[in-house]
Amino acid sequence: MKFGIDRLLSEPDLRRPLAGKRVALLAHPASVTSDLTHALDALAACDGIDLTAAFGPQHGLRGDKQDNMMESPDFNDPVHGVPVFSLYGEVRRPTAASMETFDVLLVDLQDLGCRIYTFVTTLLYVLEAAAEHGKAVWVLDRPNPVGRPVEGLTLLPGYESFVGAGPMPMRHGLTMGEMGRWFVSHFGLDVDYRVIEMDGWDPGAGPGYGWPLGERAWVNPSPNAPNLSMARAYAGTVMVEGVTLSEGRGTTRPLELFGAPDIDARAVIAEMRAAAPQWLGGCTLRDIWFEPTFHKHVGKLCNGVQIHTEQPSYDHAAFRPWRVQALGFKAIRRLYPDYPLWRGLEFKYEYTDGRLAIDVINGGPGLREWVDDDQAAAADLDAITAPDEAAWLETRRPHLIY
């Protein structure tokens, strides 16, 4: 199969509208061609493309910012001599000055298929800026590595943030190109928007179910996104960023696990299985020990739960990571009723004031309230979530390309 970047480079007819235009690139370390050449280098070497600027999202164009919420500076690219503007530094949205450096912005970002992964919001922000300044945006499309499944509560009005671009569930099931189409429609943007589509992407095909295993190398789109297993679990494990448990940052399996020094992981798994075995299909839970080298619980021995999705028994259609992680929180609350699970208001998740991090992450208080209600069962969370999921399936339908 071919990604958008490979088609643009190999098909002159696709590039022809760029003739005489100044071109900028929004990219990160996973913005590579099939032979692992970075898109910045490939475009700079391509006849007929006048590369005049570049932009980097969270973690930077170089992907050098290891921890979360670490800002990147602007700089000049030492190889190609173009300015590189950070969209996760002094600003989150392109400045008027940076918008004047190009006519067409090529967006080549590998996403993880999750609303909270900030590249989605950055796409919205550049589309809004392009509409304001009369610029064109082309998305060089890439796979949604976790495919088409949809899961989670819809973000509520008033809960918009850098991890909540609009009213969609946690796991949205769109490619970046398709997401851009929805943004243009939903927000009524008057913008010159185009998708350079992939050729041969089949999100229903195993064993990748979204990622072309055996055809393309995995390159970290952000420092703690090291493999497909993390991408599959992320729509659930990202919620651990809003709690006092470790999500595995500072280990070799970040965002595939959760744990802390003061929980019994075997007891947690047993409680999860007792409370909602129907939510645990498709994956395997394993109790583990780990000691983070940085971030939460640094240097402390933690007992935790690893969510495995790479074994032969993995069932893509059955796996529901958001519910698995919700169930982990519920199990801890039942086993340890007074456990200080939620990070407090002093922790300004993505610089958001006045809201608990877990609510910012989920786009509302529904998940937290369900966990804290000792009378609420799995069916109660399903009752409020399933209608949101069904509605999104219909909302996204006109914007699907593949």
Protein backbone atom coordinates (compact mmCIF):
# COMPACT_ATOMS: atom_id res chain seq x y z
CA MET A 1 0.00 0.00 0.00
CA LYS A 2 1.00 3.63 -0.34
CA PHE A 3 0.66 6.43 2.20
CA GLY A 4 -0.21 9.96 1.07
CA ILE A 5 3.40 11.15 1.18
CA ASP A 6 4.53 8.33 -1.11
CA ARG A 7 1.79 9.03 -3.63
CA LEU A 8 2.58 12.75 -3.69
CA LEU A 9 6.24 12.03 -4.35
CA SER A 10 5.67 9.35 -6.99
CA GLU A 11 2.73 10.85 -8.92
CA PRO A 12 3.56 14.11 -10.73
CA ASP A 13 -0.10 14.84 -11.44
CA LEU A 14 -0.76 15.12 -7.70
CA ARG A 15 2.07 17.64 -7.30
CA ARG A 16 1.17 19.77 -10.29
CA PRO A 17 -1.12 22.18 -8.34
CA LEU A 18 1.89 23.00 -6.13
CA ALA A 19 3.84 24.52 -9.02
CA GLY A 20 4.70 28.12 -8.26
CA LYS A 21 3.41 27.82 -4.69
CA ARG A 22 5.34 28.13 -1.45
CA VAL A 23 4.98 24.89 0.47
CA ALA A 24 5.22 24.24 4.21
CA LEU A 25 5.19 20.92 6.05
CA LEU A 26 3.64 20.01 9.40
CA ALA A 27 5.40 16.86 10.54
CA HIS A 28 7.00 14.81 13.32
CA PRO A 29 9.50 11.90 13.43
CA ALA A 30 7.00 9.37 11.99
CA SER A 31 6.51 11.53 8.89
CA VAL A 32 8.59 9.21 6.76
CA THR A 33 8.34 7.66 3.31
CA SER A 34 8.24 3.92 2.63
CA ASP A 35 12.05 3.83 2.69
CA LEU A 36 12.16 5.81 5.97
CA THR A 37 13.28 9.09 4.45
CA HIS A 38 11.82 11.94 6.47
CA ALA A 39 9.17 13.91 4.60
CA LEU A 40 11.11 17.16 5.07
CA ASP A 41 14.12 15.72 3.27
CA ALA A 42 12.02 14.01 0.60
CA LEU A 43 10.00 17.12 -0.20
CA ALA A 44 13.07 19.35 -0.23
CA ALA A 45 14.64 17.05 -2.82
CA CYS A 46 11.49 16.77 -4.95
CA ASP A 47 11.36 18.66 -8.24
CA GLY A 48 8.61 21.22 -8.42
CA ILE A 49 8.22 21.74 -4.67
CA ASP A 50 9.40 25.01 -3.15
CA LEU A 51 9.74 24.18 0.54
CA THR A 52 9.75 27.41 2.54
CA ALA A 53 8.81 26.45 6.14
CA ALA A 54 8.02 23.64 8.52
CA PHE A 55 5.89 23.21 11.62
CA GLY A 56 6.15 20.80 14.54
CA PRO A 57 3.31 19.60 16.81
CA GLN A 58 3.55 18.49 20.45
CA HIS A 59 6.93 16.82 21.18
CA GLY A 60 8.43 18.78 18.30
CA LEU A 61 9.32 18.19 14.67
CA ARG A 62 12.25 16.15 15.95
CA GLY A 63 10.24 14.31 18.62
CA ASP A 64 12.89 15.10 21.18
CA LYS A 65 10.63 16.10 24.08
CA GLN A 66 10.33 12.87 26.05
CA ASP A 67 7.90 13.81 28.81
CA ASN A 68 4.33 15.05 28.43
CA MET A 69 3.49 18.80 28.35
CA MET A 70 7.06 19.77 27.40
CA GLU A 71 7.18 22.75 25.04
CA SER A 72 9.39 23.05 21.97
CA PRO A 73 11.07 26.21 20.63
CA ASP A 74 11.13 27.55 17.10
CA PHE A 75 14.39 26.99 15.21
CA ASN A 76 15.94 27.08 11.76
CA ASP A 77 16.45 23.73 10.09
CA PRO A 78 20.24 23.35 9.72
CA VAL A 79 20.02 21.19 6.58
CA HIS A 80 17.40 22.94 4.49
CA GLY A 81 17.62 26.43 5.98
CA VAL A 82 13.88 26.84 6.46
CA PRO A 83 12.22 28.17 9.63
CA VAL A 84 10.58 25.56 11.85
CA PHE A 85 7.66 26.89 13.86
CA SER A 86 6.57 25.14 17.04
CA LEU A 87 2.85 24.60 17.55
CA TYR A 88 3.50 23.44 21.10
CA GLY A 89 5.66 26.19 22.51
CA GLU A 90 4.81 29.83 22.98
CA VAL A 91 1.73 29.23 20.82
CA ARG A 92 -0.63 26.35 20.01
CA ARG A 93 -2.04 28.00 16.89
CA PRO A 94 -0.01 29.28 13.93
CA THR A 95 0.84 32.97 14.19
CA ALA A 96 0.01 35.43 11.43
CA ALA A 97 3.74 35.75 10.73
CA SER A 98 4.22 32.01 10.31
CA MET A 99 1.14 31.79 8.05
CA GLU A 100 2.79 34.28 5.70
CA THR A 101 5.66 31.90 4.96
CA PHE A 102 3.66 29.56 2.70
CA ASP A 103 0.73 29.17 0.32
CA VAL A 104 0.02 25.45 0.86
CA LEU A 105 0.53 23.53 4.10
CA LEU A 106 1.13 19.80 3.78
CA VAL A 107 0.09 17.93 6.94
CA ASP A 108 1.88 14.60 7.29
CA LEU A 109 1.15 13.43 10.84
CA GLN A 110 0.83 9.83 12.00
CA ASP A 111 -2.09 9.78 14.44
CA LEU A 112 -3.13 7.15 17.00
CA GLY A 113 -6.87 7.30 16.36
CA CYS A 114 -7.67 8.87 19.73
CA ARG A 115 -9.31 12.24 20.39
CA ILE A 116 -6.87 13.16 23.14
CA TYR A 117 -3.80 12.68 20.94
CA THR A 118 -3.09 16.33 20.29
CA PHE A 119 -2.23 16.09 16.60
CA VAL A 120 -5.99 16.01 15.96
CA THR A 121 -6.45 19.39 17.65
CA THR A 122 -3.41 20.82 15.86
CA LEU A 123 -5.03 19.84 12.57
CA LEU A 124 -8.16 21.80 13.55
CA TYR A 125 -6.10 24.82 14.55
CA VAL A 126 -4.19 24.95 11.26
CA LEU A 127 -7.43 24.54 9.30
CA GLU A 128 -8.94 27.47 11.19
CA ALA A 129 -5.83 29.56 10.58
CA ALA A 130 -5.81 28.63 6.90
CA ALA A 131 -9.43 29.69 6.58
CA GLU A 132 -8.59 33.03 8.20
CA HIS A 133 -5.52 33.71 6.06
CA GLY A 134 -6.64 32.24 2.75
CA LYS A 135 -4.18 29.35 2.70
CA ALA A 136 -4.61 25.80 1.43
CA VAL A 137 -4.21 22.67 3.58
CA TRP A 138 -3.44 19.25 2.15
CA VAL A 139 -3.43 16.21 4.42
CA LEU A 140 -1.06 13.50 3.24
CA ASP A 141 -3.11 10.69 4.67
CA ARG A 142 -1.81 7.89 6.87
CA PRO A 143 -3.49 4.89 8.50
CA ASN A 144 -5.46 5.08 11.69
CA PRO A 145 -3.39 2.31 13.33
CA VAL A 146 -6.29 1.16 15.51
CA GLY A 147 -8.77 1.01 12.65
CA ARG A 148 -12.46 1.77 12.63
CA PRO A 149 -13.84 0.84 16.12
CA VAL A 150 -15.50 3.65 18.08
CA GLU A 151 -15.55 3.92 21.87
CA GLY A 152 -16.12 6.41 24.64
CA LEU A 153 -18.32 9.28 25.73
CA THR A 154 -18.76 12.27 23.43
CA LEU A 155 -16.98 15.44 24.56
CA LEU A 156 -19.52 17.82 26.13
CA PRO A 157 -19.95 21.50 25.24
CA GLY A 158 -17.66 23.62 27.40
CA TYR A 159 -15.06 20.87 27.78
CA GLU A 160 -13.15 21.77 24.62
CA SER A 161 -9.38 21.85 25.15
CA PHE A 162 -6.14 20.98 23.43
CA VAL A 163 -7.08 17.32 24.02
CA GLY A 164 -10.71 17.90 23.07
CA ALA A 165 -11.11 19.52 19.66
CA GLY A 166 -14.80 18.80 19.27
CA PRO A 167 -17.79 16.56 20.07
CA MET A 168 -16.35 13.16 19.28
CA PRO A 169 -15.72 10.05 21.41
CA MET A 170 -12.30 9.04 22.69
CA ARG A 171 -11.72 6.47 19.95
CA HIS A 172 -12.99 8.03 16.72
CA GLY A 173 -12.01 5.58 13.98
CA LEU A 174 -11.00 8.20 11.38
CA THR A 175 -7.80 8.90 9.51
CA MET A 176 -6.38 12.41 9.72
CA GLY A 177 -7.64 13.11 6.21
CA GLU A 178 -11.14 12.05 7.18
CA MET A 179 -10.94 14.00 10.44
CA GLY A 180 -10.10 17.11 8.45
CA ARG A 181 -13.20 16.58 6.33
CA TRP A 182 -15.33 16.38 9.46
CA PHE A 183 -13.72 19.50 10.92
CA VAL A 184 -14.39 21.49 7.75
CA SER A 185 -18.03 20.37 7.78
CA HIS A 186 -18.73 20.57 11.51
CA PHE A 187 -17.12 23.97 12.07
CA GLY A 188 -18.23 25.39 8.72
CA LEU A 189 -14.70 26.30 7.63
CA ASP A 190 -14.23 28.09 4.32
CA VAL A 191 -10.86 26.62 3.49
CA ASP A 192 -9.13 25.12 0.47
CA TYR A 193 -8.80 21.55 1.81
CA ARG A 194 -7.56 18.45 0.04
CA VAL A 195 -6.66 14.90 1.05
CA ILE A 196 -3.93 12.98 -0.75
CA GLU A 197 -5.48 9.59 -0.15
CA MET A 198 -3.73 6.35 0.65
CA ASP A 199 -3.78 3.54 -1.86
CA GLY A 200 -4.65 0.07 -0.59
CA TRP A 201 -5.49 0.76 3.04
CA ASP A 202 -7.84 -1.89 4.46
CA PRO A 203 -8.63 -1.12 8.12
CA GLY A 204 -10.55 -4.37 8.57
CA ALA A 205 -7.71 -6.66 7.54
CA GLY A 206 -5.68 -8.59 10.09
CA PRO A 207 -3.28 -8.93 11.68
CA GLY A 208 -2.86 -5.14 11.84
CA TYR A 209 -6.52 -4.06 11.70
CA GLY A 210 -5.52 -0.57 10.69
CA TRP A 211 -1.73 -0.72 10.67
CA PRO A 212 -0.06 -2.46 7.69
CA LEU A 213 2.01 -4.94 9.68
CA GLY A 214 4.79 -6.42 7.58
CA GLU A 215 4.56 -3.60 5.04
CA ARG A 216 5.62 -0.50 6.95
CA ALA A 217 8.02 0.09 9.81
CA TRP A 218 6.62 1.62 12.99
CA VAL A 219 8.27 4.94 13.83
CA ASN A 220 7.30 6.61 17.11
CA PRO A 221 4.95 9.52 16.32
CA SER A 222 5.67 10.69 19.88
CA PRO A 223 8.33 9.45 22.30
CA ASN A 224 5.97 7.27 24.36
CA ALA A 225 4.22 5.68 21.38
CA PRO A 226 6.73 2.90 20.71
CA ASN A 227 4.59 0.22 19.06
CA LEU A 228 1.19 -0.91 17.83
CA SER A 229 0.32 -2.46 21.20
CA MET A 230 0.56 0.97 22.82
CA ALA A 231 -1.61 2.47 20.08
CA ARG A 232 -4.27 -0.16 20.65
CA ALA A 233 -4.37 0.37 24.41
CA TYR A 234 -3.98 4.15 24.32
CA ALA A 235 -7.67 5.11 24.15
CA GLY A 236 -7.93 3.62 27.64
CA THR A 237 -4.51 4.01 29.21
CA VAL A 238 -4.29 7.71 28.34
CA MET A 239 -6.85 8.23 31.10
CA VAL A 240 -4.17 7.19 33.60
CA GLU A 241 -2.57 10.58 32.94
CA GLY A 242 -5.47 12.00 34.96
CA VAL A 243 -4.97 9.78 38.00
CA THR A 244 -2.28 9.17 40.59
CA LEU A 245 -1.37 5.76 39.16
CA SER A 246 1.60 5.39 36.83
CA GLU A 247 0.82 4.86 33.14
CA GLY A 248 4.27 3.36 32.66
CA ARG A 249 6.17 6.51 31.65
CA GLY A 250 9.75 5.86 32.64
CA THR A 251 9.46 2.19 31.62
CA THR A 252 9.91 0.43 28.30
CA ARG A 253 6.14 -0.18 27.92
CA PRO A 254 4.53 3.23 28.47
CA LEU A 255 0.77 3.49 28.15
CA GLU A 256 0.31 -0.27 27.99
CA LEU A 257 -0.03 -0.61 31.76
CA PHE A 258 -1.16 1.01 34.98
CA GLY A 259 0.00 0.56 38.55
CA ALA A 260 1.27 2.03 41.79
CA PRO A 261 3.28 1.03 44.88
CA ASP A 262 0.15 0.61 47.01
CA ILE A 263 -2.16 -1.65 44.98
CA ASP A 264 -2.39 -5.43 44.62
CA ALA A 265 -2.53 -5.99 40.88
CA ARG A 266 -3.76 -9.58 41.12
CA ALA A 267 -6.63 -8.44 43.29
CA VAL A 268 -7.41 -5.64 40.83
CA ILE A 269 -7.52 -8.07 37.89
CA ALA A 270 -9.74 -10.46 39.84
CA GLU A 271 -12.14 -7.64 40.69
CA MET A 272 -12.21 -6.51 37.04
CA ARG A 273 -13.10 -10.03 35.92
CA ALA A 274 -15.78 -10.36 38.53
CA ALA A 275 -17.38 -6.99 37.81
CA ALA A 276 -17.53 -6.97 34.00
CA PRO A 277 -15.97 -9.95 32.21
CA GLN A 278 -17.80 -8.88 29.04
CA TRP A 279 -15.57 -5.81 28.84
CA LEU A 280 -12.34 -7.80 28.85
CA GLY A 281 -12.68 -9.55 25.52
CA GLY A 282 -9.88 -9.49 23.01
CA CYS A 283 -6.99 -8.71 25.36
CA THR A 284 -5.07 -10.45 28.12
CA LEU A 285 -4.34 -8.83 31.49
CA ARG A 286 -1.13 -9.72 33.34
CA ASP A 287 0.08 -8.57 36.73
CA ILE A 288 3.57 -7.06 36.62
CA TRP A 289 6.19 -5.24 38.70
CA PHE A 290 7.97 -2.12 37.47
CA GLU A 291 10.00 0.83 38.74
CA PRO A 292 9.62 4.06 36.74
CA THR A 293 12.87 5.90 35.97
CA PHE A 294 10.99 9.22 35.67
CA HIS A 295 7.50 10.68 36.03
CA LYS A 296 4.96 9.40 38.59
CA HIS A 297 6.28 7.07 41.32
CA VAL A 298 9.83 7.50 40.04
CA GLY A 299 12.22 5.08 41.67
CA LYS A 300 9.46 3.21 43.51
CA LEU A 301 8.56 -0.44 43.07
CA CYS A 302 5.05 -0.57 41.58
CA ASN A 303 2.62 -3.43 41.15
CA GLY A 304 0.55 -3.08 38.04
CA VAL A 305 -1.54 -4.48 35.22
CA GLN A 306 -0.27 -4.81 31.66
CA ILE A 307 -2.81 -4.92 28.84
CA HIS A 308 -1.60 -7.32 26.13
CA THR A 309 -2.90 -6.99 22.57
CA GLU A 310 -0.20 -8.68 20.53
CA GLN A 311 -0.86 -12.33 21.38
CA PRO A 312 -2.65 -14.79 19.02
CA SER A 313 -5.85 -14.55 21.06
CA TYR A 314 -6.15 -10.81 20.43
CA ASP A 315 -9.60 -9.99 19.05
CA HIS A 316 -9.73 -6.55 17.47
CA ALA A 317 -13.50 -6.35 17.29
CA ALA A 318 -13.91 -7.41 20.93
CA PHE A 319 -11.15 -5.25 22.45
CA ARG A 320 -12.51 -2.10 24.12
CA PRO A 321 -9.61 -0.28 25.75
CA TRP A 322 -11.64 2.62 27.17
CA ARG A 323 -13.89 0.22 29.06
CA VAL A 324 -10.94 -1.93 30.16
CA GLN A 325 -9.26 1.06 31.78
CA ALA A 326 -12.52 2.35 33.24
CA LEU A 327 -12.96 -1.06 34.81
CA GLY A 328 -9.46 -0.89 36.26
CA PHE A 329 -10.35 2.37 37.99
CA LYS A 330 -13.61 0.88 39.23
CA ALA A 331 -11.81 -2.15 40.64
CA ILE A 332 -9.37 0.05 42.55
CA ARG A 333 -12.22 2.16 43.91
CA ARG A 334 -14.04 -0.96 45.13
CA LEU A 335 -10.96 -2.54 46.67
CA TYR A 336 -9.66 0.70 48.18
CA PRO A 337 -12.65 3.05 48.69
CA ASP A 338 -10.52 5.91 50.01
CA TYR A 339 -7.75 5.61 47.42
CA PRO A 340 -6.69 9.12 46.19
CA LEU A 341 -7.25 8.15 42.58
CA TRP A 342 -7.94 11.46 40.82
CA ARG A 343 -5.23 14.07 40.35
CA GLY A 344 -6.37 17.34 41.93
CA LEU A 345 -7.12 20.76 40.51
CA GLU A 346 -3.56 21.87 41.20
CA PHE A 347 -2.52 19.68 38.24
CA LYS A 348 -3.51 21.78 35.23
CA TYR A 349 -3.73 19.12 32.56
CA GLU A 350 -2.86 20.70 29.21
CA TYR A 351 -2.92 24.03 31.03
CA THR A 352 -6.67 23.84 31.69
CA ASP A 353 -7.86 25.67 34.82
CA GLY A 354 -10.71 24.67 37.09
CA ARG A 355 -11.28 21.11 35.90
CA LEU A 356 -9.98 17.79 37.14
CA ALA A 357 -7.57 16.20 34.67
CA ILE A 358 -9.71 13.08 34.34
CA ASP A 359 -12.65 15.25 33.24
CA VAL A 360 -10.53 17.18 30.74
CA ILE A 361 -9.34 13.88 29.30
CA ASN A 362 -12.85 12.44 29.01
CA GLY A 363 -14.49 15.64 27.87
CA GLY A 364 -16.86 15.63 30.83
CA PRO A 365 -17.39 14.14 34.31
CA GLY A 366 -19.33 11.04 33.29
CA LEU A 367 -16.54 8.49 33.60
CA ARG A 368 -15.33 9.81 36.96
CA GLU A 369 -18.84 9.93 38.38
CA TRP A 370 -19.45 6.33 37.33
CA VAL A 371 -16.23 5.17 38.99
CA ASP A 372 -17.04 6.97 42.24
CA ASP A 373 -20.66 5.76 42.43
CA ASP A 374 -20.48 2.59 44.51
CA GLN A 375 -23.93 1.57 43.23
CA ALA A 376 -23.08 1.94 39.53
CA ALA A 377 -22.42 -1.22 37.52
CA ALA A 378 -21.02 -1.85 34.05
CA ALA A 379 -24.47 -1.64 32.51
CA ASP A 380 -24.87 1.91 33.80
CA LEU A 381 -21.76 3.11 31.96
CA ASP A 382 -22.86 1.26 28.84
CA ALA A 383 -26.24 2.97 29.07
CA ILE A 384 -24.76 6.45 28.76
CA THR A 385 -21.91 5.55 26.40
CA ALA A 386 -23.53 3.31 23.77
CA PRO A 387 -25.85 6.08 22.45
CA ASP A 388 -22.86 8.39 22.01
CA GLU A 389 -20.97 5.70 20.13
CA ALA A 390 -23.93 4.93 17.85
CA ALA A 391 -24.45 8.62 17.12
CA TRP A 392 -20.79 9.09 16.17
CA LEU A 393 -20.92 6.16 13.75
CA GLU A 394 -23.64 8.02 11.87
CA THR A 395 -21.95 11.42 12.18
CA ARG A 396 -18.68 10.23 10.70
CA ARG A 397 -20.21 8.20 7.87
CA PRO A 398 -20.30 10.97 5.22
CA HIS A 399 -16.64 11.77 5.84
CA LEU A 400 -15.20 8.28 5.35
CA ILE A 401 -12.85 7.89 2.40
CA TYR A 402 -11.84 4.24 2.66
